[in-house]
C-alpha atoms as a PDB file:
ATOM      1  CA  MET A   1      13.527 -87.497-185.742  1.00  0.00           C
ATOM      2  CA  GLY A   2      14.806 -86.353-189.243  1.00  0.00           C
ATOM      3  CA  PHE A   3      14.189 -82.768-190.504  1.00  0.00           C
ATOM      4  CA  MET A   4      11.799 -83.878-193.329  1.00  0.00           C
ATOM      5  CA  MET A   5       9.780 -85.994-191.004  1.00  0.00           C
ATOM      6  CA  THR A   6       9.387 -83.076-188.575  1.00  0.00           C
ATOM      7  CA  LEU A   7       8.476 -80.768-191.436  1.00  0.00           C
ATOM      8  CA  ARG A   8       5.716 -83.213-192.485  1.00  0.00           C
ATOM      9  CA  ASP A   9       4.333 -83.464-188.946  1.00  0.00           C
ATOM     10  CA  MET A  10       4.389 -79.613-188.735  1.00  0.00           C
ATOM     11  CA  GLN A  11       2.448 -79.514-191.988  1.00  0.00           C
ATOM     12  CA  ASP A  12      -0.156 -82.265-190.969  1.00  0.00           C
ATOM     13  CA  LEU A  13      -0.997 -80.289-187.842  1.00  0.00           C
ATOM     14  CA  THR A  14      -1.164 -77.008-189.722  1.00  0.00           C
ATOM     15  CA  SER A  15      -3.359 -78.421-192.329  1.00  0.00           C
ATOM     16  CA  ARG A  16      -5.697 -79.828-189.653  1.00  0.00           C
ATOM     17  CA  LEU A  17      -5.933 -76.458-187.853  1.00  0.00           C
ATOM     18  CA  TRP A  18      -6.084 -74.241-190.958  1.00  0.00           C
ATOM     19  CA  PHE A  19      -8.893 -71.757-191.577  1.00  0.00           C
ATOM     20  CA  PRO A  20      -8.672 -68.486-193.489  1.00  0.00           C
ATOM     21  CA  GLY A  21      -7.446 -66.440-190.650  1.00  0.00           C
ATOM     22  CA  ALA A  22      -4.716 -68.894-189.586  1.00  0.00           C
ATOM     23  CA  ARG A  23      -1.194 -67.690-189.459  1.00  0.00           C
ATOM     24  CA  TRP A  24       0.168 -70.729-191.172  1.00  0.00           C
ATOM     25  CA  HIS A  25      -0.676 -72.808-194.162  1.00  0.00           C
ATOM     26  CA  VAL A  26       1.377 -75.917-195.291  1.00  0.00           C
ATOM     27  CA  GLY A  27       2.926 -73.829-198.114  1.00  0.00           C
ATOM     28  CA  ASP A  28       4.226 -71.391-195.721  1.00  0.00           C
ATOM     29  CA  LEU A  29       6.270 -74.128-194.017  1.00  0.00           C
ATOM     30  CA  ALA A  30       7.473 -75.747-197.183  1.00  0.00           C
ATOM     31  CA  TRP A  31       8.721 -72.439-198.538  1.00  0.00           C
ATOM     32  CA  GLY A  32       9.919 -70.939-195.311  1.00  0.00           C
ATOM     33  CA  LEU A  33      11.935 -73.875-194.117  1.00  0.00           C
ATOM     34  CA  ARG A  34      13.293 -74.954-197.380  1.00  0.00           C
ATOM     35  CA  GLN A  35      14.053 -71.839-199.335  1.00  0.00           C
ATOM     36  CA  HIS A  36      17.575 -71.702-197.906  1.00  0.00           C
ATOM     37  CA  THR A  37      20.316 -74.275-197.312  1.00  0.00           C
ATOM     38  CA  GLY A  38      22.384 -74.871-194.324  1.00  0.00           C
ATOM     39  CA  ARG A  39      20.260 -72.989-191.794  1.00  0.00           C
ATOM     40  CA  GLU A  40      19.173 -75.790-189.638  1.00  0.00           C
ATOM     41  CA  HIS A  41      21.312 -74.759-186.874  1.00  0.00           C
ATOM     42  CA  GLU A  42      19.768 -71.452-186.800  1.00  0.00           C
ATOM     43  CA  TRP A  43      16.157 -72.815-187.134  1.00  0.00           C
ATOM     44  CA  PRO A  44      15.681 -75.404-184.479  1.00  0.00           C
ATOM     45  CA  THR A  45      12.325 -77.000-184.653  1.00  0.00           C
ATOM     46  CA  LYS A  46      10.208 -79.357-182.305  1.00  0.00           C
ATOM     47  CA  VAL A  47       6.940 -81.166-182.431  1.00  0.00           C
ATOM     48  CA  TRP A  48       4.794 -82.256-179.503  1.00  0.00           C
ATOM     49  CA  ARG A  49       2.326 -85.129-179.430  1.00  0.00           C
ATOM     50  CA  SER A  50      -0.554 -86.320-177.260  1.00  0.00           C
ATOM     51  CA  ASP A  51      -1.954 -89.805-177.521  1.00  0.00           C
ATOM     52  CA  GLY A  52       0.078 -90.237-180.771  1.00  0.00           C
ATOM     53  CA  GLU A  53      -1.360 -87.161-182.380  1.00  0.00           C
ATOM     54  CA  VAL A  54       0.704 -83.997-183.254  1.00  0.00           C
ATOM     55  CA  VAL A  55      -0.711 -81.160-181.069  1.00  0.00           C
ATOM     56  CA  ALA A  56       1.929 -78.381-181.367  1.00  0.00           C
ATOM     57  CA  TRP A  57       5.086 -77.332-183.106  1.00  0.00           C
ATOM     58  CA  GLY A  58       7.672 -74.683-182.589  1.00  0.00           C
ATOM     59  CA  TRP A  59      10.153 -73.134-185.032  1.00  0.00           C
ATOM     60  CA  ALA A  60      12.766 -70.891-183.572  1.00  0.00           C
ATOM     61  CA  GLU A  61      14.563 -68.390-185.673  1.00  0.00           C
ATOM     62  CA  LEU A  62      17.701 -67.603-183.688  1.00  0.00           C
ATOM     63  CA  PRO A  63      18.731 -65.702-181.819  1.00  0.00           C
ATOM     64  CA  GLY A  64      15.322 -64.891-180.456  1.00  0.00           C
ATOM     65  CA  HIS A  65      12.234 -65.188-182.717  1.00  0.00           C
ATOM     66  CA  LEU A  66       9.555 -67.890-182.463  1.00  0.00           C
ATOM     67  CA  ASN A  67       6.945 -69.233-184.808  1.00  0.00           C
ATOM     68  CA  LEU A  68       4.404 -71.745-183.364  1.00  0.00           C
ATOM     69  CA  GLN A  69       1.228 -73.524-183.922  1.00  0.00           C
ATOM     70  CA  ALA A  70      -0.813 -75.452-181.278  1.00  0.00           C
ATOM     71  CA  VAL A  71      -4.261 -76.971-180.734  1.00  0.00           C
ATOM     72  CA  ASP A  72      -4.813 -75.120-177.455  1.00  0.00           C
ATOM     73  CA  GLU A  73      -3.457 -72.581-174.980  1.00  0.00           C
ATOM     74  CA  HIS A  74      -1.885 -75.361-172.883  1.00  0.00           C
ATOM     75  CA  TRP A  75       0.276 -76.798-175.829  1.00  0.00           C
ATOM     76  CA  ALA A  76       1.168 -73.366-176.936  1.00  0.00           C
ATOM     77  CA  GLY A  77       2.522 -72.861-173.450  1.00  0.00           C
ATOM     78  CA  GLU A  78       4.665 -75.948-173.788  1.00  0.00           C
ATOM     79  CA  VAL A  79       6.194 -74.419-176.891  1.00  0.00           C
ATOM     80  CA  LEU A  80       6.889 -71.200-175.280  1.00  0.00           C
ATOM     81  CA  ASP A  81       8.545 -72.889-172.477  1.00  0.00           C
ATOM     82  CA  TRP A  82      10.709 -74.943-174.785  1.00  0.00           C
ATOM     83  CA  PHE A  83      11.708 -71.663-176.583  1.00  0.00           C
ATOM     84  CA  ALA A  84      12.755 -69.980-173.335  1.00  0.00           C
ATOM     85  CA  GLY A  85      14.882 -72.950-172.560  1.00  0.00           C
ATOM     86  CA  ILE A  86      16.887 -72.745-175.673  1.00  0.00           C
ATOM     87  CA  THR A  87      17.499 -69.085-176.212  1.00  0.00           C
ATOM     88  CA  GLU A  88      16.726 -65.641-174.827  1.00  0.00           C
ATOM     89  CA  PRO A  89      13.242 -64.823-176.294  1.00  0.00           C
ATOM     90  CA  GLU A  90      12.879 -61.614-178.146  1.00  0.00           C
ATOM     91  CA  GLY A  91       9.705 -61.914-180.262  1.00  0.00           C
ATOM     92  CA  VAL A  92       6.749 -64.053-181.130  1.00  0.00           C
ATOM     93  CA  VAL A  93       4.146 -63.548-184.083  1.00  0.00           C
ATOM     94  CA  VAL A  94       0.612 -64.928-184.014  1.00  0.00           C
ATOM     95  CA  SER A  95      -2.613 -64.399-185.882  1.00  0.00           C
ATOM     96  CA  SER A  96      -5.225 -62.078-184.517  1.00  0.00           C
ATOM     97  CA  ALA A  97      -7.717 -64.825-185.363  1.00  0.00           C
ATOM     98  CA  GLU A  98      -5.884 -67.233-182.967  1.00  0.00           C
ATOM     99  CA  PRO A  99      -6.766 -65.920-179.522  1.00  0.00           C
ATOM    100  CA  HIS A 100      -5.610 -69.065-177.794  1.00  0.00           C
ATOM    101  CA  LEU A 101      -2.041 -68.308-178.928  1.00  0.00           C
ATOM    102  CA  MET A 102      -2.306 -64.668-177.999  1.00  0.00           C
ATOM    103  CA  ARG A 103      -3.390 -65.765-174.441  1.00  0.00           C
ATOM    104  CA  ALA A 104      -0.455 -68.144-174.013  1.00  0.00           C
ATOM    105  CA  VAL A 105       2.036 -65.492-175.229  1.00  0.00           C
ATOM    106  CA  GLU A 106       0.706 -62.853-172.947  1.00  0.00           C
ATOM    107  CA  LYS A 107       0.643 -65.135-170.076  1.00  0.00           C
ATOM    108  CA  ARG A 108       4.449 -65.453-170.352  1.00  0.00           C
ATOM    109  CA  GLY A 109       5.065 -61.800-170.246  1.00  0.00           C
ATOM    110  CA  PHE A 110       5.175 -60.864-173.890  1.00  0.00           C
ATOM    111  CA  VAL A 111       3.628 -57.448-174.906  1.00  0.00           C
ATOM    112  CA  PRO A 112       2.266 -56.334-178.287  1.00  0.00           C
ATOM    113  CA  ARG A 113       4.700 -54.423-180.187  1.00  0.00           C
ATOM    114  CA  GLU A 114       4.268 -51.553-182.785  1.00  0.00           C
ATOM    115  CA  GLY A 115       5.856 -51.915-186.141  1.00  0.00           C
ATOM    116  CA  PRO A 116       5.630 -53.842-189.478  1.00  0.00           C
ATOM    117  CA  PHE A 117       2.937 -56.443-189.671  1.00  0.00           C
ATOM    118  CA  PHE A 118       1.297 -58.822-192.251  1.00  0.00           C
ATOM    119  CA  LEU A 119      -2.289 -59.118-193.316  1.00  0.00           C
ATOM    120  CA  GLN A 120      -4.070 -62.421-193.962  1.00  0.00           C
ATOM    121  CA  LEU A 121      -6.089 -61.844-196.921  1.00  0.00           C
ATOM    122  CA  ALA A 122      -8.555 -64.396-198.659  1.00  0.00           C
ATOM    123  CA  ARG A 123     -10.890 -64.676-201.659  1.00  0.00           C
ATOM    124  CA  ASN A 124     -12.954 -67.424-203.112  1.00  0.00           C
ATOM    125  CA  LEU A 125     -12.052 -68.523-206.506  1.00  0.00           C
ATOM    126  CA  ASP A 126     -15.511 -67.805-208.229  1.00  0.00           C
ATOM    127  CA  ALA A 127     -15.435 -65.296-211.093  1.00  0.00           C
ATOM    128  CA  LEU A 128     -11.530 -64.974-211.258  1.00  0.00           C
ATOM    129  CA  PRO A 129     -10.341 -62.466-213.841  1.00  0.00           C
ATOM    130  CA  GLU A 130      -8.244 -63.828-216.705  1.00  0.00           C
ATOM    131  CA  PRO A 131      -4.534 -62.867-216.838  1.00  0.00           C
ATOM    132  CA  ALA A 132      -3.594 -60.495-219.674  1.00  0.00           C
ATOM    133  CA  THR A 133      -0.194 -61.978-220.293  1.00  0.00           C
ATOM    134  CA  ALA A 134       0.807 -65.399-221.416  1.00  0.00           C
ATOM    135  CA  CYS A 135       1.982 -67.357-218.399  1.00  0.00           C
ATOM    136  CA  HIS A 136       3.379 -70.912-218.118  1.00  0.00           C
ATOM    137  CA  PRO A 137       4.797 -73.319-215.445  1.00  0.00           C
ATOM    138  CA  VAL A 138       8.506 -73.004-214.716  1.00  0.00           C
ATOM    139  CA  THR A 139      10.945 -74.874-216.841  1.00  0.00           C
ATOM    140  CA  ASP A 140      14.083 -72.901-216.383  1.00  0.00           C
ATOM    141  CA  VAL A 141      15.052 -73.258-212.725  1.00  0.00           C
ATOM    142  CA  ALA A 142      18.150 -71.040-213.134  1.00  0.00           C
ATOM    143  CA  GLY A 143      16.078 -68.325-214.599  1.00  0.00           C
ATOM    144  CA  ARG A 144      13.431 -68.662-211.874  1.00  0.00           C
ATOM    145  CA  VAL A 145      16.080 -68.444-209.226  1.00  0.00           C
ATOM    146  CA  ARG A 146      17.788 -65.471-210.879  1.00  0.00           C
ATOM    147  CA  ALA A 147      14.401 -63.566-210.983  1.00  0.00           C
ATOM    148  CA  HIS A 148      13.867 -64.319-207.420  1.00  0.00           C
ATOM    149  CA  ARG A 149      17.203 -63.009-206.365  1.00  0.00           C
ATOM    150  CA  GLU A 150      16.619 -59.884-208.439  1.00  0.00           C
ATOM    151  CA  ALA A 151      13.140 -59.269-207.114  1.00  0.00           C
ATOM    152  CA  PHE A 152      14.143 -59.859-203.371  1.00  0.00           C
ATOM    153  CA  TYR A 153      17.741 -58.599-203.413  1.00  0.00           C
ATOM    154  CA  PRO A 154      19.688 -59.724-201.428  1.00  0.00           C
ATOM    155  CA  SER A 155      18.422 -63.250-201.364  1.00  0.00           C
ATOM    156  CA  ARG A 156      19.900 -66.472-200.052  1.00  0.00           C
ATOM    157  CA  VAL A 157      17.688 -68.500-202.471  1.00  0.00           C
ATOM    158  CA  THR A 158      20.040 -70.578-204.894  1.00  0.00           C
ATOM    159  CA  GLU A 159      19.438 -73.251-207.465  1.00  0.00           C
ATOM    160  CA  GLU A 160      20.257 -75.935-204.808  1.00  0.00           C
ATOM    161  CA  SER A 161      17.756 -74.533-202.257  1.00  0.00           C
ATOM    162  CA  TYR A 162      15.083 -74.009-204.946  1.00  0.00           C
ATOM    163  CA  ARG A 163      15.372 -77.650-206.032  1.00  0.00           C
ATOM    164  CA  ASN A 164      14.813 -78.635-202.311  1.00  0.00           C
ATOM    165  CA  VAL A 165      11.678 -76.495-202.400  1.00  0.00           C
ATOM    166  CA  GLN A 166      10.540 -78.401-205.455  1.00  0.00           C
ATOM    167  CA  ALA A 167      11.107 -81.698-203.628  1.00  0.00           C
ATOM    168  CA  THR A 168       8.905 -80.589-200.774  1.00  0.00           C
ATOM    169  CA  ARG A 169       5.247 -81.417-200.426  1.00  0.00           C
ATOM    170  CA  PRO A 170       2.909 -79.962-201.523  1.00  0.00           C
ATOM    171  CA  TYR A 171       5.019 -78.380-204.383  1.00  0.00           C
ATOM    172  CA  ARG A 172       3.346 -78.822-207.836  1.00  0.00           C
ATOM    173  CA  ARG A 173       5.182 -77.472-210.983  1.00  0.00           C
ATOM    174  CA  GLU A 174       1.877 -76.504-212.571  1.00  0.00           C
ATOM    175  CA  LEU A 175       1.398 -74.070-209.725  1.00  0.00           C
ATOM    176  CA  ASP A 176       4.881 -72.580-210.095  1.00  0.00           C
ATOM    177  CA  VAL A 177       4.001 -70.073-212.733  1.00  0.00           C
ATOM    178  CA  VAL A 178       6.137 -67.631-214.545  1.00  0.00           C
ATOM    179  CA  ALA A 179       5.725 -64.824-217.285  1.00  0.00           C
ATOM    180  CA  ASP A 180       8.557 -64.291-219.734  1.00  0.00           C
ATOM    181  CA  VAL A 181       9.816 -61.026-221.437  1.00  0.00           C
ATOM    182  CA  ASP A 182      12.265 -61.722-224.298  1.00  0.00           C
ATOM    183  CA  GLY A 183      12.805 -65.322-223.285  1.00  0.00           C
ATOM    184  CA  GLN A 184      13.818 -64.375-219.684  1.00  0.00           C
ATOM    185  CA  THR A 185      11.685 -64.920-216.509  1.00  0.00           C
ATOM    186  CA  ALA A 186      10.316 -61.431-215.553  1.00  0.00           C
ATOM    187  CA  ALA A 187       7.777 -62.397-212.988  1.00  0.00           C
ATOM    188  CA  TYR A 188       6.597 -65.418-211.040  1.00  0.00           C
ATOM    189  CA  CYS A 189       4.061 -66.787-208.595  1.00  0.00           C
ATOM    190  CA  LEU A 190       4.459 -70.039-206.434  1.00  0.00           C
ATOM    191  CA  ALA A 191       1.095 -71.320-205.152  1.00  0.00           C
ATOM    192  CA  TRP A 192       0.664 -74.028-202.794  1.00  0.00           C
ATOM    193  CA  LEU A 193      -2.457 -76.284-202.680  1.00  0.00           C
ATOM    194  CA  ASP A 194      -3.513 -78.049-199.568  1.00  0.00           C
ATOM    195  CA  GLU A 195      -5.975 -80.573-201.133  1.00  0.00           C
ATOM    196  CA  SER A 196      -7.519 -81.563-197.830  1.00  0.00           C
ATOM    197  CA  ARG A 197      -8.626 -77.949-196.999  1.00  0.00           C
ATOM    198  CA  LYS A 198      -9.268 -76.994-200.720  1.00  0.00           C
ATOM    199  CA  ALA A 199      -7.181 -73.944-199.992  1.00  0.00           C
ATOM    200  CA  VAL A 200      -4.309 -72.362-202.036  1.00  0.00           C
ATOM    201  CA  LEU A 201      -1.627 -70.119-200.694  1.00  0.00           C
ATOM    202  CA  ILE A 202       0.338 -67.660-202.879  1.00  0.00           C
ATOM    203  CA  GLU A 203       4.015 -67.382-201.526  1.00  0.00           C
ATOM    204  CA  PRO A 204       6.192 -65.876-202.952  1.00  0.00           C
ATOM    205  CA  VAL A 205       5.365 -63.544-205.776  1.00  0.00           C
ATOM    206  CA  GLY A 206       8.071 -61.369-207.449  1.00  0.00           C
ATOM    207  CA  THR A 207       8.725 -59.218-210.501  1.00  0.00           C
ATOM    208  CA  VAL A 208      12.164 -58.333-211.803  1.00  0.00           C
ATOM    209  CA  PRO A 209      12.729 -54.659-211.177  1.00  0.00           C
ATOM    210  CA  ASP A 210      13.124 -53.589-214.765  1.00  0.00           C
ATOM    211  CA  HIS A 211       9.607 -55.095-215.506  1.00  0.00           C
ATOM    212  CA  ARG A 212       7.648 -53.744-212.597  1.00  0.00           C
ATOM    213  CA  GLY A 213       4.514 -51.644-213.387  1.00  0.00           C
ATOM    214  CA  ARG A 214       3.310 -53.735-216.299  1.00  0.00           C
ATOM    215  CA  GLY A 215       0.830 -55.939-214.430  1.00  0.00           C
ATOM    216  CA  LEU A 216       2.876 -59.049-214.671  1.00  0.00           C
ATOM    217  CA  ALA A 217       2.708 -59.911-210.901  1.00  0.00           C
ATOM    218  CA  ARG A 218      -1.179 -59.821-211.213  1.00  0.00           C
ATOM    219  CA  ASP A 219      -1.079 -61.932-214.229  1.00  0.00           C
ATOM    220  CA  VAL A 220       1.002 -64.827-212.841  1.00  0.00           C
ATOM    221  CA  CYS A 221      -0.936 -64.784-209.613  1.00  0.00           C
ATOM    222  CA  LEU A 222      -4.290 -65.167-211.645  1.00  0.00           C
ATOM    223  CA  ALA A 223      -2.795 -67.816-213.913  1.00  0.00           C
ATOM    224  CA  ALA A 224      -1.761 -69.661-210.729  1.00  0.00           C
ATOM    225  CA  LEU A 225      -5.176 -69.302-209.206  1.00  0.00           C
ATOM    226  CA  HIS A 226      -6.990 -70.552-212.279  1.00  0.00           C
ATOM    227  CA  THR A 227      -4.802 -73.645-212.249  1.00  0.00           C
ATOM    228  CA  ALA A 228      -5.330 -74.239-208.471  1.00  0.00           C
ATOM    229  CA  LYS A 229      -9.168 -73.884-209.093  1.00  0.00           C
ATOM    230  CA  ALA A 230      -8.986 -76.485-211.792  1.00  0.00           C
ATOM    231  CA  LEU A 231      -7.123 -78.778-209.230  1.00  0.00           C
ATOM    232  CA  GLY A 232      -9.987 -78.416-206.762  1.00  0.00           C
ATOM    233  CA  ALA A 233      -9.146 -75.137-204.708  1.00  0.00           C
ATOM    234  CA  GLU A 234     -12.079 -73.324-203.508  1.00  0.00           C
ATOM    235  CA  ILE A 235     -10.211 -70.486-201.420  1.00  0.00           C
ATOM    236  CA  ALA A 236      -7.037 -68.533-201.784  1.00  0.00           C
ATOM    237  CA  THR A 237      -4.896 -66.835-199.152  1.00  0.00           C
ATOM    238  CA  VAL A 238      -1.910 -64.522-199.188  1.00  0.00           C
ATOM    239  CA  SER A 239      -0.156 -62.546-196.431  1.00  0.00           C
ATOM    240  CA  PRO A 240       1.407 -59.178-197.627  1.00  0.00           C
ATOM    241  CA  ARG A 241       2.753 -56.428-195.474  1.00  0.00           C
ATOM    242  CA  GLY A 242      -0.072 -54.395-193.921  1.00  0.00           C
ATOM    243  CA  ASP A 243       1.847 -51.362-192.590  1.00  0.00           C
ATOM    244  CA  ASP A 244       2.241 -48.077-194.539  1.00  0.00           C
ATOM    245  CA  ALA A 245       6.032 -48.781-195.125  1.00  0.00           C
ATOM    246  CA  TYR A 246       5.148 -51.413-197.900  1.00  0.00           C
ATOM    247  CA  PRO A 247       1.794 -51.063-199.239  1.00  0.00           C
ATOM    248  CA  ILE A 248       2.157 -52.094-202.995  1.00  0.00           C
ATOM    249  CA  PRO A 249       1.644 -55.884-202.489  1.00  0.00           C
ATOM    250  CA  ALA A 250      -1.581 -55.522-200.510  1.00  0.00           C
ATOM    251  CA  ARG A 251      -2.914 -53.088-203.004  1.00  0.00           C
ATOM    252  CA  LEU A 252      -2.173 -55.736-205.691  1.00  0.00           C
ATOM    253  CA  TYR A 253      -4.004 -58.422-203.934  1.00  0.00           C
ATOM    254  CA  ARG A 254      -7.024 -56.331-203.052  1.00  0.00           C
ATOM    255  CA  SER A 255      -7.239 -55.362-206.765  1.00  0.00           C
ATOM    256  CA  MET A 256      -7.657 -59.034-207.365  1.00  0.00           C
ATOM    257  CA  GLY A 257     -10.559 -59.361-204.974  1.00  0.00           C
ATOM    258  CA  PHE A 258      -8.685 -60.461-201.908  1.00  0.00           C
ATOM    259  CA  THR A 259     -10.139 -59.037-198.650  1.00  0.00           C
ATOM    260  CA  GLN A 260      -8.772 -59.056-195.082  1.00  0.00           C
ATOM    261  CA  VAL A 261      -9.639 -61.743-192.631  1.00  0.00           C
ATOM    262  CA  ALA A 262      -6.930 -61.263-189.959  1.00  0.00           C
ATOM    263  CA  ARG A 263      -3.580 -59.791-189.412  1.00  0.00           C
ATOM    264  CA  THR A 264      -0.408 -60.675-187.545  1.00  0.00           C
ATOM    265  CA  VAL A 265       0.200 -59.486-183.981  1.00  0.00           C
ATOM    266  CA  HIS A 266       3.771 -59.116-183.079  1.00  0.00           C
ATOM    267  CA  TYR A 267       4.874 -59.623-179.397  1.00  0.00           C
ATOM    268  CA  GLY A 268       8.058 -58.549-177.704  1.00  0.00           C
ATOM    269  CA  VAL A 269       9.584 -59.000-174.241  1.00  0.00           C
ATOM    270  CA  ALA A 270       8.433 -56.317-171.804  1.00  0.00           C
ATOM    271  CA  ARG A 271      11.367 -54.134-170.823  1.00  0.00           C
ATOM    272  CA  GLY A 272      11.952 -51.897-167.780  1.00  0.00           C
END
C-alpha cells in the first residue's frame, strides 16, 4: 500500500473516532507525517482492518516511540504487538480521555512516566475576539518556511516538505494564515478543518523571535479561527505543552478562551 493511501486510511479512522479529548485530529497526521522529507524509513506505519473497515493504525518513530489509534483495547493490543516486533519499545503516548488505549498499553508492561506532556485544549467558536493585526492567507511559501525555521530552530521543514504539506488533505490555503512586518512573514498559524466533525485544529503556530511579545501569534490564530468558523467549524482544538518548562503557548491559548479537556499520558518501559 502506498504511503499516501495509508495516510488517508489513518485520517479516516482518526476522523471517525475524533472527540475533543482525542489524542489525534486529521490535521495532526497531515502535518506530522508530511512536514519533513526522507523520513519514511524512520517512521514505519501500518493500518489494521476488520470486515473491510480500518480499526487501528500505528506510527512508529524509530528507534522506540509509538503513536497509535484504535477502536478498542483489542486492536490497540494488535498495534502494540506489531510495534514490539519491529523495534525495541521505549515509549508510547496516549490521551487521558482514551482509557481503552491506556489499558492496552499498561497490559503490555508500560508504566506512566514523568516529564514533559501536552494538553488537549478546546473552545467553541462563538464570540471569537477579533485579531488586532491585519492577517492574510500565505502567498510567499519561502517566507513562510523561513519564519517556521526561525520560530522552531533547528527545524527540518523545507520548501519541498512544506509544499508536500500543502498537497495533503485537508490543507486549505485560506486556513494557512500569516501576519507580516515590513513585508516579511513574522507570525503564522496553520489550521486544519475536519469538515465531517466540524472541528478545526491549530498546528503549528509560530512567531519569528524578533517579533515576539507583540500579540501576533494570538492575531493569526484568531484570524484562522474566524475563517474556519465561516467554513463550518464549530469547535477548535490545540495541544500545547502542559508542563512548567514551556508554559507560554498554553497561556496564549487560555487567553483566547481555550480550556483543558484532556492531557497526554506518557508511558515508558518498566526497568529493574
